[in-house]
N, C-alpha and C. Protein backbone atom coordinates (compact mmCIF):
# COMPACT_ATOMS: atom_id res chain seq x y z
N MET A 1 -16.64 97.02 126.78
CA MET A 1 -16.77 95.84 127.60
C MET A 1 -16.63 94.57 126.75
N HIS A 2 -17.19 94.57 125.57
CA HIS A 2 -17.10 93.39 124.72
C HIS A 2 -15.65 93.08 124.38
N PHE A 3 -14.85 94.12 124.18
CA PHE A 3 -13.44 93.92 123.87
C PHE A 3 -12.74 93.17 125.00
N TRP A 4 -12.97 93.58 126.24
CA TRP A 4 -12.32 92.93 127.38
C TRP A 4 -12.80 91.50 127.55
N LEU A 5 -14.07 91.26 127.29
CA LEU A 5 -14.60 89.91 127.39
C LEU A 5 -13.95 89.02 126.34
N LEU A 6 -13.85 89.50 125.11
CA LEU A 6 -13.21 88.73 124.05
C LEU A 6 -11.73 88.50 124.36
N ALA A 7 -11.05 89.53 124.86
CA ALA A 7 -9.64 89.38 125.20
C ALA A 7 -9.46 88.35 126.31
N PHE A 8 -10.32 88.38 127.31
CA PHE A 8 -10.25 87.42 128.39
C PHE A 8 -10.46 86.01 127.86
N LEU A 9 -11.47 85.81 127.03
CA LEU A 9 -11.76 84.49 126.48
C LEU A 9 -10.59 83.99 125.64
N PHE A 10 -9.98 84.87 124.88
CA PHE A 10 -8.85 84.48 124.03
C PHE A 10 -7.67 84.01 124.89
N PHE A 11 -7.31 84.77 125.90
CA PHE A 11 -6.15 84.44 126.70
C PHE A 11 -6.43 83.38 127.76
N ALA A 12 -7.69 83.13 128.07
CA ALA A 12 -8.04 82.15 129.09
C ALA A 12 -8.15 80.74 128.53
N GLN A 13 -8.03 80.59 127.21
CA GLN A 13 -8.14 79.27 126.61
C GLN A 13 -7.02 78.37 127.12
N ASP A 14 -7.35 77.12 127.27
CA ASP A 14 -6.34 76.16 127.70
C ASP A 14 -5.24 76.05 126.66
N LYS A 15 -4.04 75.89 127.14
CA LYS A 15 -2.93 75.64 126.23
C LYS A 15 -3.09 74.24 125.67
N PRO A 16 -2.63 74.02 124.44
CA PRO A 16 -2.72 72.66 123.92
C PRO A 16 -1.87 71.72 124.78
N PRO A 17 -2.31 70.50 124.95
CA PRO A 17 -1.55 69.58 125.80
C PRO A 17 -0.17 69.31 125.22
N GLN A 18 0.81 69.16 126.09
CA GLN A 18 2.15 68.82 125.65
C GLN A 18 2.18 67.32 125.44
N THR A 19 2.34 66.91 124.20
CA THR A 19 2.30 65.50 123.88
C THR A 19 3.65 65.01 123.37
N SER A 20 3.75 63.72 123.26
CA SER A 20 5.01 63.10 122.87
C SER A 20 4.77 62.02 121.82
N THR A 21 5.87 61.42 121.37
CA THR A 21 5.78 60.33 120.40
C THR A 21 6.54 59.12 120.92
N LEU A 22 6.09 57.96 120.49
CA LEU A 22 6.79 56.71 120.75
C LEU A 22 6.99 56.02 119.41
N SER A 23 8.12 55.41 119.24
CA SER A 23 8.38 54.64 118.03
C SER A 23 9.25 53.45 118.38
N GLY A 24 9.37 52.53 117.45
CA GLY A 24 10.18 51.35 117.67
C GLY A 24 9.87 50.31 116.65
N SER A 25 10.13 49.07 116.99
CA SER A 25 9.87 47.99 116.05
C SER A 25 9.44 46.73 116.78
N VAL A 26 8.76 45.88 116.03
CA VAL A 26 8.33 44.57 116.55
C VAL A 26 8.30 43.61 115.37
N VAL A 27 7.21 43.42 114.68
CA VAL A 27 7.11 42.65 113.44
C VAL A 27 6.14 43.38 112.52
N SER A 28 6.15 43.04 111.24
CA SER A 28 5.26 43.73 110.30
C SER A 28 3.80 43.39 110.58
N ASN A 29 2.95 44.36 110.31
CA ASN A 29 1.49 44.24 110.45
C ASN A 29 1.03 43.88 111.85
N ALA A 30 1.75 44.31 112.86
CA ALA A 30 1.34 44.11 114.24
C ALA A 30 0.55 45.33 114.71
N THR A 31 -0.29 45.12 115.70
CA THR A 31 -1.02 46.21 116.35
C THR A 31 -0.24 46.57 117.61
N VAL A 32 0.15 47.84 117.72
CA VAL A 32 0.90 48.33 118.87
C VAL A 32 -0.01 49.24 119.68
N LEU A 33 -0.08 48.99 120.99
CA LEU A 33 -0.97 49.73 121.87
C LEU A 33 -0.24 50.28 123.08
N PRO A 34 0.01 51.58 123.11
CA PRO A 34 0.42 52.21 124.37
C PRO A 34 -0.86 52.49 125.17
N ILE A 35 -0.98 51.88 126.34
CA ILE A 35 -2.19 52.01 127.15
C ILE A 35 -1.81 52.63 128.50
N ALA A 36 -2.54 53.65 128.88
CA ALA A 36 -2.23 54.39 130.12
C ALA A 36 -2.38 53.50 131.34
N GLU A 37 -1.78 53.97 132.44
CA GLU A 37 -1.84 53.23 133.70
C GLU A 37 -3.29 52.93 134.08
N ALA A 38 -3.46 51.90 134.88
CA ALA A 38 -4.79 51.37 135.19
C ALA A 38 -5.79 52.41 135.67
N LYS A 39 -5.37 53.37 136.50
CA LYS A 39 -6.33 54.33 137.05
C LYS A 39 -6.91 55.27 135.99
N LEU A 40 -6.33 55.34 134.79
CA LEU A 40 -6.83 56.21 133.73
C LEU A 40 -7.55 55.46 132.62
N ARG A 41 -7.66 54.17 132.74
CA ARG A 41 -8.21 53.37 131.64
C ARG A 41 -9.71 53.50 131.44
N SER A 42 -10.39 54.16 132.33
CA SER A 42 -11.82 54.40 132.11
C SER A 42 -12.02 55.50 131.07
N ARG A 43 -10.96 56.23 130.76
CA ARG A 43 -11.02 57.30 129.76
C ARG A 43 -10.60 56.76 128.40
N ARG A 44 -11.44 56.92 127.41
CA ARG A 44 -11.13 56.43 126.06
C ARG A 44 -9.90 57.12 125.48
N ASP A 45 -9.61 58.35 125.91
CA ASP A 45 -8.47 59.06 125.34
C ASP A 45 -7.15 58.65 125.98
N SER A 46 -7.15 57.61 126.81
CA SER A 46 -5.91 57.12 127.38
C SER A 46 -5.41 55.87 126.65
N PHE A 47 -6.05 55.56 125.52
CA PHE A 47 -5.66 54.43 124.68
C PHE A 47 -5.17 54.97 123.33
N TYR A 48 -4.11 54.40 122.85
CA TYR A 48 -3.55 54.79 121.55
C TYR A 48 -3.31 53.52 120.75
N GLU A 49 -3.28 53.67 119.43
CA GLU A 49 -3.12 52.49 118.57
C GLU A 49 -2.27 52.85 117.36
N ALA A 50 -1.45 51.90 116.95
CA ALA A 50 -0.67 52.04 115.72
C ALA A 50 -0.52 50.66 115.09
N THR A 51 -0.32 50.64 113.80
CA THR A 51 -0.04 49.41 113.07
C THR A 51 1.36 49.53 112.50
N THR A 52 2.14 48.48 112.63
CA THR A 52 3.50 48.52 112.12
C THR A 52 3.51 48.46 110.59
N ASP A 53 4.58 49.01 110.03
CA ASP A 53 4.73 48.98 108.57
C ASP A 53 5.34 47.64 108.14
N GLN A 54 5.69 47.54 106.88
CA GLN A 54 6.22 46.28 106.34
C GLN A 54 7.55 45.87 106.96
N TYR A 55 8.23 46.83 107.60
CA TYR A 55 9.50 46.54 108.25
C TYR A 55 9.35 46.35 109.76
N GLY A 56 8.12 46.39 110.25
CA GLY A 56 7.87 46.19 111.67
C GLY A 56 8.00 47.44 112.51
N ARG A 57 8.12 48.60 111.87
CA ARG A 57 8.28 49.85 112.61
C ARG A 57 6.92 50.46 112.94
N TYR A 58 6.84 51.08 114.10
CA TYR A 58 5.61 51.79 114.49
C TYR A 58 5.98 53.20 114.94
N HIS A 59 4.98 54.08 114.90
CA HIS A 59 5.15 55.47 115.33
C HIS A 59 3.80 55.94 115.86
N VAL A 60 3.76 56.37 117.10
CA VAL A 60 2.52 56.85 117.73
C VAL A 60 2.75 58.29 118.16
N GLU A 61 1.91 59.19 117.69
CA GLU A 61 2.02 60.62 118.04
C GLU A 61 0.88 61.03 118.94
N GLY A 62 1.08 62.15 119.64
CA GLY A 62 0.00 62.75 120.43
C GLY A 62 -0.25 62.09 121.77
N ILE A 63 0.74 61.39 122.29
CA ILE A 63 0.57 60.70 123.57
C ILE A 63 0.77 61.70 124.71
N ARG A 64 -0.18 61.72 125.61
CA ARG A 64 -0.08 62.60 126.78
C ARG A 64 0.96 62.05 127.76
N PRO A 65 1.64 62.93 128.49
CA PRO A 65 2.62 62.47 129.48
C PRO A 65 1.98 61.56 130.52
N GLY A 66 2.73 60.56 130.96
CA GLY A 66 2.24 59.64 131.98
C GLY A 66 2.91 58.29 131.88
N ASP A 67 2.42 57.36 132.68
CA ASP A 67 2.94 55.99 132.69
C ASP A 67 2.07 55.11 131.82
N TYR A 68 2.70 54.31 130.97
CA TYR A 68 2.01 53.46 130.02
C TYR A 68 2.59 52.06 130.03
N LYS A 69 1.81 51.15 129.50
CA LYS A 69 2.29 49.81 129.15
C LYS A 69 2.13 49.70 127.64
N LEU A 70 3.17 49.21 126.98
CA LEU A 70 3.13 49.00 125.53
C LEU A 70 2.94 47.52 125.25
N PHE A 71 2.02 47.25 124.35
CA PHE A 71 1.72 45.88 123.95
C PHE A 71 1.78 45.79 122.44
N ALA A 72 2.09 44.61 121.93
CA ALA A 72 2.07 44.37 120.49
C ALA A 72 1.48 42.99 120.22
N TRP A 73 0.53 42.94 119.31
CA TRP A 73 -0.12 41.70 118.91
C TRP A 73 -0.05 41.55 117.40
N ASP A 74 0.06 40.32 116.93
CA ASP A 74 -0.02 40.09 115.49
C ASP A 74 -1.42 39.69 115.07
N ASP A 75 -2.27 39.36 116.03
CA ASP A 75 -3.65 38.98 115.75
C ASP A 75 -4.50 39.42 116.93
N LEU A 76 -5.27 40.47 116.72
CA LEU A 76 -6.04 41.04 117.82
C LEU A 76 -7.37 41.56 117.30
N GLU A 77 -8.43 41.19 117.97
CA GLU A 77 -9.75 41.69 117.59
C GLU A 77 -9.83 43.19 117.88
N PRO A 78 -10.27 43.99 116.91
CA PRO A 78 -10.34 45.45 117.12
C PRO A 78 -11.13 45.82 118.37
N ASN A 79 -10.61 46.79 119.09
CA ASN A 79 -11.23 47.36 120.28
C ASN A 79 -11.30 46.42 121.48
N SER A 80 -10.73 45.25 121.40
CA SER A 80 -10.77 44.33 122.55
C SER A 80 -10.00 44.90 123.74
N TRP A 81 -9.09 45.82 123.49
CA TRP A 81 -8.29 46.41 124.57
C TRP A 81 -9.10 47.32 125.48
N PHE A 82 -10.31 47.67 125.10
CA PHE A 82 -11.17 48.47 125.98
C PHE A 82 -11.83 47.63 127.07
N ASP A 83 -11.72 46.32 126.98
CA ASP A 83 -12.30 45.40 127.96
C ASP A 83 -11.30 45.20 129.11
N PRO A 84 -11.65 45.65 130.33
CA PRO A 84 -10.72 45.51 131.46
C PRO A 84 -10.31 44.07 131.73
N ASP A 85 -11.20 43.11 131.50
CA ASP A 85 -10.86 41.71 131.73
C ASP A 85 -9.80 41.23 130.74
N PHE A 86 -9.87 41.70 129.51
CA PHE A 86 -8.87 41.35 128.51
C PHE A 86 -7.49 41.86 128.95
N LEU A 87 -7.44 43.12 129.37
CA LEU A 87 -6.16 43.70 129.78
C LEU A 87 -5.61 43.05 131.05
N LYS A 88 -6.49 42.65 131.94
CA LYS A 88 -6.05 42.02 133.19
C LYS A 88 -5.25 40.75 132.90
N ASP A 89 -5.65 40.03 131.85
CA ASP A 89 -4.97 38.78 131.50
C ASP A 89 -3.57 38.99 130.93
N VAL A 90 -3.30 40.17 130.36
CA VAL A 90 -2.00 40.40 129.70
C VAL A 90 -1.17 41.50 130.37
N GLU A 91 -1.67 42.09 131.41
CA GLU A 91 -1.03 43.24 132.07
C GLU A 91 0.46 43.05 132.32
N GLY A 92 0.84 41.91 132.83
CA GLY A 92 2.23 41.66 133.17
C GLY A 92 3.15 41.49 131.99
N ARG A 93 2.61 41.36 130.79
CA ARG A 93 3.44 41.13 129.61
C ARG A 93 3.70 42.40 128.81
N GLY A 94 3.17 43.54 129.28
CA GLY A 94 3.42 44.80 128.58
C GLY A 94 4.76 45.39 128.98
N GLU A 95 5.27 46.25 128.13
CA GLU A 95 6.54 46.93 128.38
C GLU A 95 6.24 48.28 129.03
N ALA A 96 6.70 48.48 130.27
CA ALA A 96 6.44 49.72 130.99
C ALA A 96 7.28 50.85 130.41
N VAL A 97 6.65 52.01 130.25
CA VAL A 97 7.35 53.19 129.74
C VAL A 97 6.73 54.43 130.36
N THR A 98 7.56 55.42 130.66
CA THR A 98 7.07 56.71 131.14
C THR A 98 7.25 57.72 130.02
N VAL A 99 6.17 58.39 129.66
CA VAL A 99 6.18 59.38 128.60
C VAL A 99 6.28 60.76 129.24
N THR A 100 7.25 61.54 128.80
CA THR A 100 7.43 62.90 129.31
C THR A 100 6.90 63.91 128.30
N ALA A 101 6.61 65.11 128.75
CA ALA A 101 6.07 66.16 127.87
C ALA A 101 7.06 66.48 126.75
N ASN A 102 6.54 66.56 125.54
CA ASN A 102 7.31 66.90 124.35
C ASN A 102 8.51 65.98 124.13
N GLY A 103 8.40 64.75 124.58
CA GLY A 103 9.51 63.81 124.45
C GLY A 103 9.32 62.87 123.28
N HIS A 104 10.34 62.05 123.08
CA HIS A 104 10.28 60.99 122.07
C HIS A 104 10.98 59.77 122.64
N GLY A 105 10.26 58.68 122.68
CA GLY A 105 10.83 57.43 123.19
C GLY A 105 10.88 56.39 122.11
N THR A 106 11.88 55.53 122.18
CA THR A 106 12.01 54.42 121.25
C THR A 106 12.00 53.13 122.06
N VAL A 107 11.06 52.25 121.71
CA VAL A 107 10.90 51.00 122.45
C VAL A 107 10.75 49.86 121.45
N SER A 108 11.62 48.88 121.54
CA SER A 108 11.48 47.66 120.76
C SER A 108 10.61 46.70 121.56
N LEU A 109 9.67 46.09 120.89
CA LEU A 109 8.68 45.26 121.58
C LEU A 109 8.75 43.80 121.14
N HIS A 110 8.14 42.94 121.93
CA HIS A 110 7.94 41.53 121.61
C HIS A 110 6.43 41.32 121.55
N LEU A 111 6.01 40.40 120.72
CA LEU A 111 4.58 40.12 120.62
C LEU A 111 4.04 39.54 121.92
N VAL A 112 2.88 40.02 122.32
CA VAL A 112 2.18 39.48 123.49
C VAL A 112 1.53 38.17 123.13
N GLY A 113 0.99 38.07 121.93
CA GLY A 113 0.30 36.88 121.49
C GLY A 113 -1.19 37.15 121.40
N ALA A 114 -1.85 36.31 120.70
CA ALA A 114 -3.29 36.48 120.50
C ALA A 114 -4.05 35.90 121.67
N LYS A 115 -5.20 36.46 121.92
CA LYS A 115 -6.07 35.93 122.98
C LYS A 115 -7.20 35.20 122.34
């Protein structure tokens, strides 16, 4: 019986989520934020963050499939993007992108500006 229980537990485990990557460019030392659609923003795991390199390139891995807005700032207080009021003020300036399972998207961004 223990064998069947262990076998069941082994095969019943959730498959790892199918994630994707986003990359592109903006300016050096910018903060790039792919943020999930509004209905998922109460979940901390729907926010992603990357910092651009000296050439302005960014690369974000492990993004779950869904609809996102991409933002880029050159001066941003850490974690301010978790504040719904902050995002409400800049929502229209993000770049809309749909992330598909196991995909890779390239998006060139413009700075949103500091708040």
